Amino acid sequence: MEKKFDLVVIGTGAGGSTVAHKCREAGWDVAIIDSRRFGGTCALRGCDPKKVLVGAAELIDWNHRMKRKGVSAKGAEINWQELMQFKKTFTDPVSENREKGYGKAGIAVFHGRARFLGKTTVEIGDDTLTGRYVHIAAGAKPADLGIPGEEYLTTSTQFMEMEKLPERIVFVGGGYIAFEFAHIASCAGAKVQILHRGPRPLEGFDPDLVDSLVEATCDLGVDFRLNTTVESVEKDRDQFVVRASAEDTQVTFEADMVVHSAGRVPDIDDMNLEKAGIKRGRKGILVNEYLQSVSNPLVYAAGDGADSGGLPLTPVATMEANAAASNLLKGNHHQPNNAGIPTVVFTLPPLAAVGLREEEATKLGLKFKVKHEDTSGWYSSRRIGLKYLGFKTLVEEDTGRILGAHLLGAHAEEVINIFALAIRNGLKAEDLKTMIYAYPTSASDISYML
């Protein structure tokens, strides 16, 4: 059946839902499509449920760190099945509530995989939808590794749905997923290995702090292997055999589960974008500064599926969605602001960053001062038994502008927001240095970081 709308939105996550609601509020006839459960990655299989698991791991880590420091919580452990049930109290209601919200707003909903038939026409099962405009926010999926046995890899989505934690887990790749899930699994009692093909994991973060995080990861009992390229995964009765090469040497690992943690790519490969004249790049649909397709002006895109230059983060997708909605409704006038966007790896302790790294600032020809220190001896670290911590800040010499901040330590995921506020609003290092903070808090350490 053919149906016409003012706007067809592909994706019900942060990058799509906002656009659908804002355009509907403006009186447009809107349809929204998703091939998965409504709600998107963050609410269902990403940020939110992951943080529930991280919270449990933090409790176990606290218990380990505070032994012989006045705390003895014998027998503290994670009951994985109960933890999964607790996590589901957050994720299970999302899809139904989201769909009810669309219905209440008068947004037409469609379940299925969208494929383009023309510039603004898509097919979903037996339905054909044509819009005056199309907005694409289809999210991301695990990258294709191109290795034999790839079908045996467990995705991050599947990891967060499993009812029983395997005893031995191998993570293929050294990105966010590997670090965060390895810390969770290790605290839950699993034997964990991370195999990363390059010499440096978490390439988007400061290398000195990443080195400290790797030490903290190993201290949890994780076997971390750099320069180790996975070449195949085999099923051997009740276990998996991972074959890899490390510095011209063949190595083999056995595991009960092998997890894909080697990156994600835009989930747009099978949409027949060429039928709509939509050009794409490696990072997604090619868009201009207004999030409009460079090759089809009737199409906009946001979030993980758009090659917009923004970080693949939920708040960025929401910001882009707001900009795209405004541009759809009022004509191109709103550009997303990517300055000072903080990002965090929710490990134990968390690693956070905002702004430029040293190598980036150097390439830009900026003159800046770097302050870098191990903070394991600071009061804020010693009182909670943390060993692997530090910070690095970059301040421009002439202007005093904060160019970048990189933190590893307790509450880094919160403190980084203050640095982000400063960068986005042009505050200078002196402004944060002379701020009167509540004390003693993690934020009060900022004065000593600048």
Protein backbone atom coordinates (compact mmCIF):
# COMPACT_ATOMS: atom_id res chain seq x y z
CA MET A 1 0.00 0.00 0.00
CA GLU A 2 1.33 3.43 -0.92
CA LYS A 3 1.15 6.21 1.67
CA LYS A 4 2.30 9.83 1.54
CA PHE A 5 3.74 11.95 4.32
CA ASP A 6 5.48 15.27 4.80
CA LEU A 7 8.37 13.46 6.48
CA VAL A 8 9.55 9.88 6.67
CA VAL A 9 12.01 9.18 9.51
CA ILE A 10 14.19 6.06 9.52
CA GLY A 11 15.30 5.18 13.05
CA THR A 12 13.70 5.57 16.48
CA GLY A 13 16.79 6.43 18.50
CA ALA A 14 17.99 9.87 19.59
CA GLY A 15 18.75 10.98 16.04
CA GLY A 16 15.31 10.13 14.71
CA SER A 17 12.73 10.45 17.46
CA THR A 18 13.44 14.12 18.12
CA VAL A 19 13.00 15.03 14.46
CA ALA A 20 9.75 13.08 14.21
CA HIS A 21 8.20 14.76 17.24
CA LYS A 22 9.31 18.29 16.41
CA CYS A 23 8.01 18.09 12.85
CA ARG A 24 4.77 16.53 14.01
CA GLU A 25 4.33 19.32 16.58
CA ALA A 26 4.66 21.76 13.68
CA GLY A 27 1.69 20.10 11.97
CA TRP A 28 3.53 17.83 9.53
CA ASP A 29 2.29 14.34 8.68
CA VAL A 30 5.12 12.11 9.91
CA ALA A 31 5.95 8.42 9.64
CA ILE A 32 8.71 6.68 11.57
CA ILE A 33 10.34 3.32 10.78
CA ASP A 34 12.60 0.90 12.61
CA SER A 35 13.70 -2.65 11.85
CA ARG A 36 14.49 -3.28 15.51
CA ARG A 37 12.59 -2.64 18.72
CA PHE A 38 11.61 1.00 19.00
CA GLY A 39 13.90 3.06 21.19
CA GLY A 40 17.33 3.05 19.59
CA THR A 41 20.73 1.93 20.76
CA CYS A 42 21.21 4.09 23.85
CA ALA A 43 17.99 3.22 25.66
CA LEU A 44 17.86 -0.46 24.71
CA ARG A 45 21.33 -1.86 24.06
CA GLY A 46 23.86 0.91 24.73
CA CYS A 47 24.48 3.71 27.21
CA ASP A 48 21.64 3.20 29.69
CA PRO A 49 21.67 -0.58 30.23
CA LYS A 50 25.47 -0.61 30.11
CA LYS A 51 25.63 1.88 32.98
CA VAL A 52 23.41 -0.41 35.05
CA LEU A 53 26.01 -3.16 34.67
CA VAL A 54 28.85 -0.72 35.35
CA GLY A 55 27.15 0.28 38.61
CA ALA A 56 27.29 -3.31 39.86
CA ALA A 57 30.93 -3.64 38.83
CA GLU A 58 31.76 -0.44 40.70
CA LEU A 59 30.44 -1.95 43.91
CA ILE A 60 32.68 -5.00 43.56
CA ASP A 61 35.66 -2.81 42.69
CA TRP A 62 35.04 -0.60 45.72
CA ASN A 63 34.98 -3.69 47.91
CA HIS A 64 38.32 -4.91 46.55
CA ARG A 65 39.98 -1.50 46.85
CA MET A 66 38.87 -0.86 50.42
CA LYS A 67 40.07 -4.14 51.90
CA ARG A 68 42.35 -3.47 54.87
CA LYS A 69 41.15 0.13 54.80
CA GLY A 70 38.28 -0.35 57.22
CA VAL A 71 35.84 -2.19 54.96
CA SER A 72 35.23 -5.94 54.94
CA ALA A 73 32.23 -6.96 52.85
CA LYS A 74 32.94 -10.68 52.63
CA GLY A 75 31.13 -12.62 49.95
CA ALA A 76 30.18 -9.61 47.82
CA GLU A 77 29.58 -10.85 44.29
CA ILE A 78 27.52 -10.19 41.19
CA ASN A 79 24.56 -12.45 40.57
CA TRP A 80 24.46 -12.11 36.80
CA GLN A 81 20.92 -13.38 36.33
CA GLU A 82 19.52 -11.01 38.95
CA LEU A 83 21.54 -8.15 37.49
CA MET A 84 20.06 -8.87 34.04
CA GLN A 85 16.56 -8.85 35.50
CA PHE A 86 17.28 -5.49 37.13
CA LYS A 87 18.60 -4.15 33.83
CA LYS A 88 15.42 -5.25 32.09
CA THR A 89 13.32 -3.06 34.38
CA PHE A 90 14.90 -0.16 32.49
CA THR A 91 14.92 -1.57 28.97
CA ASP A 92 11.74 -3.67 28.73
CA PRO A 93 9.22 -0.78 28.95
CA VAL A 94 11.04 1.41 26.42
CA SER A 95 9.73 0.09 23.12
CA GLU A 96 6.08 -0.05 24.14
CA ASN A 97 6.23 3.39 25.74
CA ARG A 98 8.00 4.85 22.72
CA GLU A 99 5.43 3.44 20.31
CA LYS A 100 2.55 4.66 22.47
CA GLY A 101 4.17 8.10 22.46
CA TYR A 102 4.28 8.14 18.67
CA GLY A 103 0.65 7.08 18.47
CA LYS A 104 -0.43 9.75 20.93
CA ALA A 105 1.43 12.37 18.91
CA GLY A 106 -0.20 11.20 15.67
CA ILE A 107 3.01 9.81 14.16
CA ALA A 108 2.48 6.74 11.95
CA VAL A 109 4.70 3.81 12.92
CA PHE A 110 6.13 1.09 10.70
CA HIS A 111 8.19 -1.95 11.65
CA GLY A 112 10.66 -3.31 9.11
CA ARG A 113 13.75 -2.64 7.07
CA ALA A 114 13.49 0.48 4.90
CA ARG A 115 14.87 0.39 1.37
CA PHE A 116 14.77 3.28 -1.07
CA LEU A 117 12.83 3.05 -4.32
CA GLY A 118 13.31 6.70 -5.30
CA LYS A 119 14.51 10.07 -4.00
CA THR A 120 12.02 10.15 -1.10
CA THR A 121 10.23 6.82 -1.47
CA VAL A 122 10.99 3.82 0.73
CA GLU A 123 9.63 0.31 0.89
CA ILE A 124 8.90 -1.52 4.17
CA GLY A 125 7.42 -4.93 3.59
CA ASP A 126 4.14 -4.45 1.70
CA ASP A 127 4.07 -0.70 2.39
CA THR A 128 5.49 2.04 0.21
CA LEU A 129 6.02 5.41 1.89
CA THR A 130 6.73 8.66 0.04
CA GLY A 131 7.66 11.82 1.88
CA ARG A 132 8.34 15.38 0.90
CA TYR A 133 11.49 14.79 2.92
CA VAL A 134 13.29 11.81 4.45
CA HIS A 135 15.40 11.90 7.60
CA ILE A 136 17.83 9.04 8.20
CA ALA A 137 18.99 8.15 11.71
CA ALA A 138 19.46 4.41 11.42
CA GLY A 139 22.29 4.06 13.95
CA ALA A 140 25.29 1.74 13.73
CA LYS A 141 26.13 -1.96 13.66
CA PRO A 142 29.27 -4.05 14.33
CA ALA A 143 31.87 -3.66 11.59
CA ASP A 144 32.45 -6.55 9.21
CA LEU A 145 35.81 -8.08 10.15
CA GLY A 146 36.06 -10.36 7.14
CA ILE A 147 37.50 -13.33 9.05
CA PRO A 148 36.51 -17.01 8.95
CA GLY A 149 34.12 -17.84 11.77
CA GLU A 150 32.90 -14.27 12.18
CA GLU A 151 29.39 -15.66 12.64
CA TYR A 152 30.48 -17.05 16.02
CA LEU A 153 31.17 -13.59 17.44
CA THR A 154 28.81 -12.26 20.09
CA THR A 155 27.70 -8.65 19.58
CA SER A 156 27.48 -6.07 22.35
CA THR A 157 23.69 -6.28 22.06
CA GLN A 158 23.75 -10.03 22.65
CA PHE A 159 26.22 -9.61 25.52
CA MET A 160 23.77 -7.39 27.36
CA GLU A 161 20.95 -9.86 26.90
CA MET A 162 22.65 -13.07 28.05
CA GLU A 163 21.18 -14.71 31.14
CA LYS A 164 24.40 -16.48 32.16
CA LEU A 165 27.93 -15.08 32.18
CA PRO A 166 30.46 -17.41 30.51
CA GLU A 167 33.56 -18.38 32.47
CA ARG A 168 36.05 -17.43 29.71
CA ILE A 169 35.54 -14.45 27.39
CA VAL A 170 37.75 -13.14 24.60
CA PHE A 171 37.15 -9.63 23.26
CA VAL A 172 38.24 -8.99 19.67
CA GLY A 173 39.34 -5.35 19.51
CA GLY A 174 40.38 -2.74 22.05
CA GLY A 175 37.72 -0.03 21.88
CA TYR A 176 35.00 1.23 24.22
CA ILE A 177 33.09 -2.05 24.20
CA ALA A 178 36.13 -4.16 25.06
CA PHE A 179 37.26 -1.99 27.97
CA GLU A 180 33.84 -1.41 29.51
CA PHE A 181 32.55 -4.97 29.15
CA ALA A 182 35.89 -6.48 30.18
CA HIS A 183 35.79 -4.55 33.44
CA ILE A 184 32.18 -5.61 34.06
CA ALA A 185 32.83 -9.26 33.23
CA SER A 186 36.01 -9.42 35.27
CA CYS A 187 34.27 -7.98 38.33
CA ALA A 188 31.52 -10.57 37.80
CA GLY A 189 34.09 -13.38 38.00
CA ALA A 190 34.85 -14.20 34.38
CA LYS A 191 38.33 -14.84 33.01
CA VAL A 192 38.78 -12.14 30.37
CA GLN A 193 41.20 -11.55 27.50
CA ILE A 194 41.37 -8.57 25.11
CA LEU A 195 43.07 -9.01 21.74
CA HIS A 196 43.86 -5.72 20.01
CA ARG A 197 45.55 -5.71 16.62
CA GLY A 198 47.34 -2.37 16.99
CA PRO A 199 49.97 -1.00 19.37
CA ARG A 200 47.54 1.45 20.97
CA PRO A 201 43.94 0.93 22.07
CA LEU A 202 41.35 3.74 22.45
CA GLU A 203 43.05 5.88 19.83
CA GLY A 204 40.69 8.82 20.41
CA PHE A 205 42.01 9.30 23.94
CA ASP A 206 45.25 10.60 25.43
CA PRO A 207 47.87 7.83 25.07
CA ASP A 208 49.48 8.42 28.47
CA LEU A 209 46.19 8.03 30.29
CA VAL A 210 45.25 5.06 28.12
CA ASP A 211 48.50 3.39 29.23
CA SER A 212 47.42 3.89 32.85
CA LEU A 213 43.97 2.49 32.09
CA VAL A 214 45.56 -0.58 30.51
CA GLU A 215 47.52 -1.08 33.75
CA ALA A 216 44.30 -0.77 35.75
CA THR A 217 42.64 -3.26 33.40
CA CYS A 218 45.43 -5.77 33.85
CA ASP A 219 45.27 -5.23 37.61
CA LEU A 220 41.64 -6.40 37.48
CA GLY A 221 42.93 -9.69 36.10
CA VAL A 222 42.31 -9.03 32.41
CA ASP A 223 44.86 -10.51 29.99
CA PHE A 224 45.46 -7.63 27.56
CA ARG A 225 47.30 -8.43 24.30
CA LEU A 226 48.43 -5.64 21.95
CA ASN A 227 49.65 -6.17 18.36
CA THR A 228 47.56 -9.32 18.21
CA THR A 229 45.48 -9.76 15.06
CA VAL A 230 42.61 -12.22 15.16
CA GLU A 231 42.58 -14.30 11.98
CA SER A 232 39.77 -16.79 12.61
CA VAL A 233 37.27 -18.11 15.13
CA GLU A 234 36.36 -21.81 15.22
CA LYS A 235 33.69 -23.75 17.05
CA ASP A 236 35.11 -26.75 18.91
CA ARG A 237 32.32 -28.62 20.66
CA ASP A 238 31.36 -26.48 23.70
CA GLN A 239 34.04 -23.85 23.24
CA PHE A 240 35.52 -21.47 20.68
CA VAL A 241 39.09 -21.39 19.42
CA VAL A 242 40.49 -18.00 18.42
CA ARG A 243 43.51 -18.07 16.14
CA ALA A 244 45.64 -14.94 15.91
CA SER A 245 49.05 -13.65 14.92
CA ALA A 246 51.27 -11.65 17.24
CA GLU A 247 54.54 -10.31 15.85
CA ASP A 248 54.80 -13.08 13.23
CA THR A 249 53.95 -15.74 15.81
CA GLN A 250 50.76 -17.79 15.67
CA VAL A 251 48.84 -17.84 18.96
CA THR A 252 45.66 -19.64 20.00
CA PHE A 253 43.07 -18.74 22.63
CA GLU A 254 40.18 -20.81 23.96
CA ALA A 255 36.97 -19.25 25.20
CA ASP A 256 33.34 -19.89 26.01
CA MET A 257 32.38 -16.64 24.28
CA VAL A 258 34.10 -14.38 21.75
CA VAL A 259 32.82 -10.80 21.68
CA HIS A 260 33.00 -8.40 18.74
CA SER A 261 34.54 -5.18 20.08
CA ALA A 262 36.41 -4.02 16.98
CA GLY A 263 34.33 -1.02 16.03
CA ARG A 264 30.95 -0.11 14.60
CA VAL A 265 29.85 1.28 11.23
CA PRO A 266 26.71 3.06 9.95
CA ASP A 267 23.79 0.67 9.55
CA ILE A 268 22.87 1.84 6.05
CA ASP A 269 24.47 -0.72 3.73
CA ASP A 270 21.27 -2.37 2.51
CA MET A 271 19.07 0.72 2.15
CA ASN A 272 19.58 1.06 -1.61
CA LEU A 273 20.85 4.61 -1.13
CA GLU A 274 21.89 4.77 -4.77
CA LYS A 275 18.22 4.55 -5.80
CA ALA A 276 17.69 7.86 -4.00
CA GLY A 277 20.91 9.44 -5.25
CA ILE A 278 22.30 9.57 -1.71
CA LYS A 279 26.09 9.63 -1.54
CA ARG A 280 27.82 8.05 1.42
CA GLY A 281 31.30 7.94 2.84
CA ARG A 282 33.06 5.59 5.21
CA LYS A 283 31.45 7.26 8.23
CA GLY A 284 27.95 7.50 6.84
CA ILE A 285 25.76 9.63 4.61
CA LEU A 286 27.65 12.65 3.28
CA VAL A 287 25.94 15.77 4.59
CA ASN A 288 26.61 19.50 4.52
CA GLU A 289 26.88 21.76 7.55
CA TYR A 290 23.09 21.70 7.89
CA LEU A 291 22.92 17.87 7.96
CA GLN A 292 21.41 17.82 4.48
CA SER A 293 22.55 15.19 1.98
CA VAL A 294 25.13 16.68 -0.38
CA SER A 295 23.58 14.80 -3.31
CA ASN A 296 19.84 14.69 -2.50
CA PRO A 297 18.56 17.92 -0.89
CA LEU A 298 15.32 16.23 0.16
CA VAL A 299 17.20 13.96 2.57
CA TYR A 300 18.69 14.82 5.97
CA ALA A 301 20.65 12.60 8.34
CA ALA A 302 21.86 12.65 11.94
CA GLY A 303 23.64 10.50 14.48
CA ASP A 304 25.77 7.45 13.76
CA GLY A 305 24.54 7.19 10.16
CA ALA A 306 25.67 10.67 9.15
CA ASP A 307 29.21 11.65 8.17
CA SER A 308 28.81 14.97 9.97
CA GLY A 309 32.10 15.21 11.85
CA GLY A 310 30.38 14.74 15.20
CA LEU A 311 31.34 12.09 17.74
CA PRO A 312 29.21 8.91 17.70
CA LEU A 313 27.49 9.77 20.98
CA THR A 314 23.83 9.98 22.01
CA PRO A 315 23.96 13.66 23.08
CA VAL A 316 25.54 14.51 19.71
CA ALA A 317 22.79 12.62 17.88
CA THR A 318 20.19 14.58 19.86
CA MET A 319 21.91 17.88 19.10
CA GLU A 320 22.06 17.01 15.41
CA ALA A 321 18.44 15.92 15.41
CA ASN A 322 17.37 19.27 16.85
CA ALA A 323 19.38 21.05 14.17
CA ALA A 324 17.99 18.87 11.38
CA ALA A 325 14.41 19.38 12.56
CA SER A 326 14.88 23.14 12.66
CA ASN A 327 16.38 23.12 9.16
CA LEU A 328 13.56 20.99 7.80
CA LEU A 329 10.93 23.29 9.25
CA LYS A 330 12.53 26.69 8.63
CA GLY A 331 15.07 26.14 5.88
CA ASN A 332 18.80 25.64 6.37
CA HIS A 333 20.00 27.99 9.10
CA HIS A 334 21.08 25.87 12.10
CA GLN A 335 24.50 24.23 12.31
CA PRO A 336 25.35 21.83 15.16
CA ASN A 337 28.12 23.01 17.48
CA ASN A 338 30.70 20.25 18.00
CA ALA A 339 33.03 22.30 20.21
CA GLY A 340 33.73 20.89 23.64
CA ILE A 341 31.83 17.61 23.42
CA PRO A 342 32.93 15.33 26.29
CA THR A 343 33.27 11.57 25.88
CA VAL A 344 33.78 8.87 28.50
CA VAL A 345 34.88 5.25 28.72
CA PHE A 346 32.96 3.88 31.70
CA THR A 347 35.72 1.71 33.12
CA LEU A 348 37.02 1.35 36.68
CA PRO A 349 38.10 4.11 36.99
CA PRO A 350 36.46 6.01 34.10
CA LEU A 351 38.49 7.70 31.36
CA ALA A 352 37.14 11.03 30.09
CA ALA A 353 38.19 13.54 27.46
CA VAL A 354 37.10 16.81 25.91
CA GLY A 355 38.74 19.06 23.35
CA LEU A 356 42.10 18.52 21.69
CA ARG A 357 44.81 15.96 22.36
CA GLU A 358 48.47 17.01 22.27
CA GLU A 359 49.08 15.69 18.76
CA GLU A 360 45.97 17.44 17.44
CA ALA A 361 46.88 20.79 18.97
CA THR A 362 50.42 20.48 17.61
CA LYS A 363 49.16 19.75 14.09
CA LEU A 364 47.01 22.87 14.26
CA GLY A 365 50.12 24.92 15.03
CA LEU A 366 48.83 26.07 18.41
CA LYS A 367 51.18 27.18 21.16
CA PHE A 368 50.11 25.64 24.41
CA LYS A 369 51.21 24.48 27.83
CA VAL A 370 50.67 20.91 28.98
CA LYS A 371 50.14 19.92 32.59
CA HIS A 372 50.27 16.18 33.19
CA GLU A 373 50.42 14.42 36.52
CA ASP A 374 49.84 11.05 38.15
CA THR A 375 47.26 11.69 40.88
CA SER A 376 47.44 8.36 42.71
CA GLY A 377 49.06 10.13 45.67
CA TRP A 378 46.38 12.83 45.93
CA TYR A 379 43.97 12.80 48.85
CA SER A 380 40.97 12.30 46.55
CA SER A 381 42.57 9.09 45.21
CA ARG A 382 44.09 7.67 48.38
CA ARG A 383 40.90 7.87 50.42
CA ILE A 384 39.18 5.43 48.05
CA GLY A 385 42.17 3.23 47.30
CA LEU A 386 42.64 4.06 43.60
CA LYS A 387 46.07 3.40 42.08
CA TYR A 388 45.90 4.23 38.37
CA LEU A 389 44.87 7.84 37.87
CA GLY A 390 46.01 11.02 36.27
CA PHE A 391 45.13 14.06 34.21
CA LYS A 392 46.45 16.10 31.33
CA THR A 393 45.30 19.61 30.43
CA LEU A 394 46.21 21.80 27.46
CA VAL A 395 46.02 25.59 27.79
CA GLU A 396 46.79 28.02 24.98
CA GLU A 397 49.73 30.26 25.90
CA ASP A 398 48.55 33.63 24.63
CA THR A 399 44.84 33.46 25.37
CA GLY A 400 44.61 31.16 28.39
CA ARG A 401 41.91 29.17 26.59
CA ILE A 402 41.48 25.57 27.65
CA LEU A 403 42.18 23.52 24.55
CA GLY A 404 41.73 20.06 26.01
CA ALA A 405 41.25 18.12 29.23
CA HIS A 406 41.89 14.41 29.78
CA LEU A 407 41.02 12.68 33.06
CA LEU A 408 41.39 9.20 34.51
CA GLY A 409 39.97 8.79 37.97
CA ALA A 410 37.01 8.81 40.31
CA HIS A 411 34.10 10.87 38.98
CA ALA A 412 36.02 11.77 35.83
CA GLU A 413 32.76 11.31 33.93
CA GLU A 414 31.26 14.19 35.93
CA VAL A 415 34.28 16.48 36.30
CA ILE A 416 34.88 16.45 32.53
CA ASN A 417 31.58 18.30 32.07
CA ILE A 418 33.02 21.36 33.80
CA PHE A 419 35.91 21.42 31.34
CA ALA A 420 33.43 20.96 28.49
CA LEU A 421 31.38 23.90 29.73
CA ALA A 422 34.53 26.02 29.78
CA ILE A 423 35.55 25.04 26.24
CA ARG A 424 32.06 25.54 24.75
CA ASN A 425 31.66 28.94 26.39
CA GLY A 426 35.17 30.31 26.01
CA LEU A 427 36.09 30.31 29.69
CA LYS A 428 39.79 30.57 30.46
CA ALA A 429 41.94 28.40 32.66
CA GLU A 430 42.08 31.15 35.25
CA ASP A 431 38.28 31.15 35.51
CA LEU A 432 38.27 27.50 36.57
CA LYS A 433 41.42 27.81 38.65
CA THR A 434 39.98 30.57 40.82
CA MET A 435 36.49 29.05 41.10
CA ILE A 436 35.43 28.26 44.68
CA TYR A 437 34.44 24.59 44.69
CA ALA A 438 32.69 22.52 47.34
CA TYR A 439 35.47 20.70 49.20
CA PRO A 440 36.57 17.97 49.36
CA THR A 441 35.13 16.88 46.02
CA SER A 442 36.56 15.56 42.79
CA ALA A 443 35.70 18.85 41.13
CA SER A 444 37.77 20.76 43.67
CA ASP A 445 40.85 19.07 42.18
CA ILE A 446 40.35 21.13 39.00
CA SER A 447 42.22 24.04 40.58
CA TYR A 448 45.35 21.90 40.70
CA MET A 449 45.00 20.66 37.13
CA LEU A 450 45.48 24.08 35.50
